[in-house]
Amino acid sequence: MMSSLLAWLVNPRWNPLARLHMNAVASCLHKYGLRYDDMYDSYHDLDIKDALAQLRREVVDARKQRLKCAMDLSMKHRYLSKEA
């Protein structure tokens, strides 16, 4: 019972508040050129590590490049330009 309630609370498909939160976080991430899925950590979750291993090399490299660019922008206290 409790696990089904918790699953409903955090699933953006069913809970409109979770969807609003996900969209708010995603809009903040877009300022740095990131996607919502880029925030999943492959070092702490083996499922994410396995999923990244199954992706094409270009997709993984693009993800790494987005993360590096976002860290650089964050250190400089800047946002991604509109043209990029």
C-alpha atoms as a PDB file:
ATOM      1  CA  MET A   1       0.000   0.000   0.000  1.00  0.00           C
ATOM      2  CA  MET A   2       2.664   2.478   1.027  1.00  0.00           C
ATOM      3  CA  SER A   3       4.943   1.590  -1.871  1.00  0.00           C
ATOM      4  CA  SER A   4       2.141   2.143  -4.389  1.00  0.00           C
ATOM      5  CA  LEU A   5       1.398   5.537  -2.848  1.00  0.00           C
ATOM      6  CA  LEU A   6       5.055   6.478  -2.989  1.00  0.00           C
ATOM      7  CA  ALA A   7       5.297   5.320  -6.602  1.00  0.00           C
ATOM      8  CA  TRP A   8       2.299   7.493  -7.466  1.00  0.00           C
ATOM      9  CA  LEU A   9       3.800  10.531  -5.738  1.00  0.00           C
ATOM     10  CA  VAL A  10       7.093  10.468  -7.618  1.00  0.00           C
ATOM     11  CA  ASN A  11       5.865   9.329 -11.037  1.00  0.00           C
ATOM     12  CA  PRO A  12       5.353  12.337 -13.348  1.00  0.00           C
ATOM     13  CA  ARG A  13       2.964  10.342 -15.548  1.00  0.00           C
ATOM     14  CA  TRP A  14       0.339  10.126 -12.823  1.00  0.00           C
ATOM     15  CA  ASN A  15       1.027  12.932 -10.383  1.00  0.00           C
ATOM     16  CA  PRO A  16       0.591  16.448 -11.815  1.00  0.00           C
ATOM     17  CA  LEU A  17       2.726  17.947  -9.032  1.00  0.00           C
ATOM     18  CA  ALA A  18       5.613  15.636  -9.908  1.00  0.00           C
ATOM     19  CA  ARG A  19       5.194  16.652 -13.551  1.00  0.00           C
ATOM     20  CA  LEU A  20       5.316  20.345 -12.619  1.00  0.00           C
ATOM     21  CA  HIS A  21       8.445  19.780 -10.554  1.00  0.00           C
ATOM     22  CA  MET A  22      10.115  17.824 -13.353  1.00  0.00           C
ATOM     23  CA  ASN A  23       9.327  20.595 -15.848  1.00  0.00           C
ATOM     24  CA  ALA A  24      10.653  23.273 -13.469  1.00  0.00           C
ATOM     25  CA  VAL A  25      13.896  21.380 -12.953  1.00  0.00           C
ATOM     26  CA  ALA A  26      14.223  20.740 -16.689  1.00  0.00           C
ATOM     27  CA  SER A  27      13.798  24.443 -17.490  1.00  0.00           C
ATOM     28  CA  CYS A  28      16.608  25.302 -15.063  1.00  0.00           C
ATOM     29  CA  LEU A  29      18.817  22.628 -16.599  1.00  0.00           C
ATOM     30  CA  HIS A  30      18.198  23.969 -20.110  1.00  0.00           C
ATOM     31  CA  LYS A  31      19.882  27.213 -19.055  1.00  0.00           C
ATOM     32  CA  TYR A  32      23.088  25.190 -18.809  1.00  0.00           C
ATOM     33  CA  GLY A  33      22.435  23.085 -21.891  1.00  0.00           C
ATOM     34  CA  LEU A  34      21.567  19.948 -19.929  1.00  0.00           C
ATOM     35  CA  ARG A  35      18.762  17.448 -20.251  1.00  0.00           C
ATOM     36  CA  TYR A  36      16.831  16.015 -17.337  1.00  0.00           C
ATOM     37  CA  ASP A  37      18.318  12.570 -18.022  1.00  0.00           C
ATOM     38  CA  ASP A  38      21.862  13.947 -17.734  1.00  0.00           C
ATOM     39  CA  MET A  39      21.403  14.212 -13.970  1.00  0.00           C
ATOM     40  CA  TYR A  40      21.280  10.458 -13.460  1.00  0.00           C
ATOM     41  CA  ASP A  41      24.575   9.387 -11.872  1.00  0.00           C
ATOM     42  CA  SER A  42      26.212   6.312 -13.345  1.00  0.00           C
ATOM     43  CA  TYR A  43      28.642   5.997 -10.433  1.00  0.00           C
ATOM     44  CA  HIS A  44      25.953   5.387  -7.831  1.00  0.00           C
ATOM     45  CA  ASP A  45      23.377   3.442  -9.840  1.00  0.00           C
ATOM     46  CA  LEU A  46      24.365   0.276 -11.661  1.00  0.00           C
ATOM     47  CA  ASP A  47      21.219   0.342 -13.808  1.00  0.00           C
ATOM     48  CA  ILE A  48      22.218   3.733 -15.197  1.00  0.00           C
ATOM     49  CA  LYS A  49      25.731   2.455 -15.820  1.00  0.00           C
ATOM     50  CA  ASP A  50      24.341  -0.518 -17.753  1.00  0.00           C
ATOM     51  CA  ALA A  51      21.998   1.723 -19.738  1.00  0.00           C
ATOM     52  CA  LEU A  52      24.859   4.036 -20.704  1.00  0.00           C
ATOM     53  CA  ALA A  53      26.932   1.036 -21.774  1.00  0.00           C
ATOM     54  CA  GLN A  54      24.193   0.042 -24.222  1.00  0.00           C
ATOM     55  CA  LEU A  55      23.972   3.472 -25.851  1.00  0.00           C
ATOM     56  CA  ARG A  56      25.892   4.447 -28.956  1.00  0.00           C
ATOM     57  CA  ARG A  57      29.286   6.036 -28.335  1.00  0.00           C
ATOM     58  CA  GLU A  58      28.173   9.358 -29.882  1.00  0.00           C
ATOM     59  CA  VAL A  59      25.273   9.679 -27.433  1.00  0.00           C
ATOM     60  CA  VAL A  60      27.491   9.016 -24.422  1.00  0.00           C
ATOM     61  CA  ASP A  61      30.128  11.457 -25.693  1.00  0.00           C
ATOM     62  CA  ALA A  62      27.478  14.146 -26.233  1.00  0.00           C
ATOM     63  CA  ARG A  63      26.238  13.600 -22.665  1.00  0.00           C
ATOM     64  CA  LYS A  64      29.773  13.962 -21.293  1.00  0.00           C
ATOM     65  CA  GLN A  65      30.293  17.122 -23.342  1.00  0.00           C
ATOM     66  CA  ARG A  66      27.037  18.635 -22.032  1.00  0.00           C
ATOM     67  CA  LEU A  67      28.088  17.882 -18.458  1.00  0.00           C
ATOM     68  CA  LYS A  68      31.538  19.439 -18.967  1.00  0.00           C
ATOM     69  CA  CYS A  69      30.044  22.528 -20.579  1.00  0.00           C
ATOM     70  CA  ALA A  70      27.512  22.887 -17.761  1.00  0.00           C
ATOM     71  CA  MET A  71      30.234  22.656 -15.110  1.00  0.00           C
ATOM     72  CA  ASP A  72      32.246  25.300 -16.945  1.00  0.00           C
ATOM     73  CA  LEU A  73      29.246  27.629 -17.209  1.00  0.00           C
ATOM     74  CA  SER A  74      28.410  27.087 -13.554  1.00  0.00           C
ATOM     75  CA  MET A  75      31.947  27.957 -12.454  1.00  0.00           C
ATOM     76  CA  LYS A  76      31.795  31.142 -14.541  1.00  0.00           C
ATOM     77  CA  HIS A  77      28.315  32.020 -13.170  1.00  0.00           C
ATOM     78  CA  ARG A  78      26.912  32.225 -16.695  1.00  0.00           C
ATOM     79  CA  TYR A  79      24.123  30.616 -18.665  1.00  0.00           C
ATOM     80  CA  LEU A  80      24.197  29.090 -22.107  1.00  0.00           C
ATOM     81  CA  SER A  81      23.683  31.675 -24.828  1.00  0.00           C
ATOM     82  CA  LYS A  82      20.430  31.683 -26.800  1.00  0.00           C
ATOM     83  CA  GLU A  83      22.287  30.944 -30.065  1.00  0.00           C
ATOM     84  CA  ALA A  84      23.808  27.690 -28.795  1.00  0.00           C
END
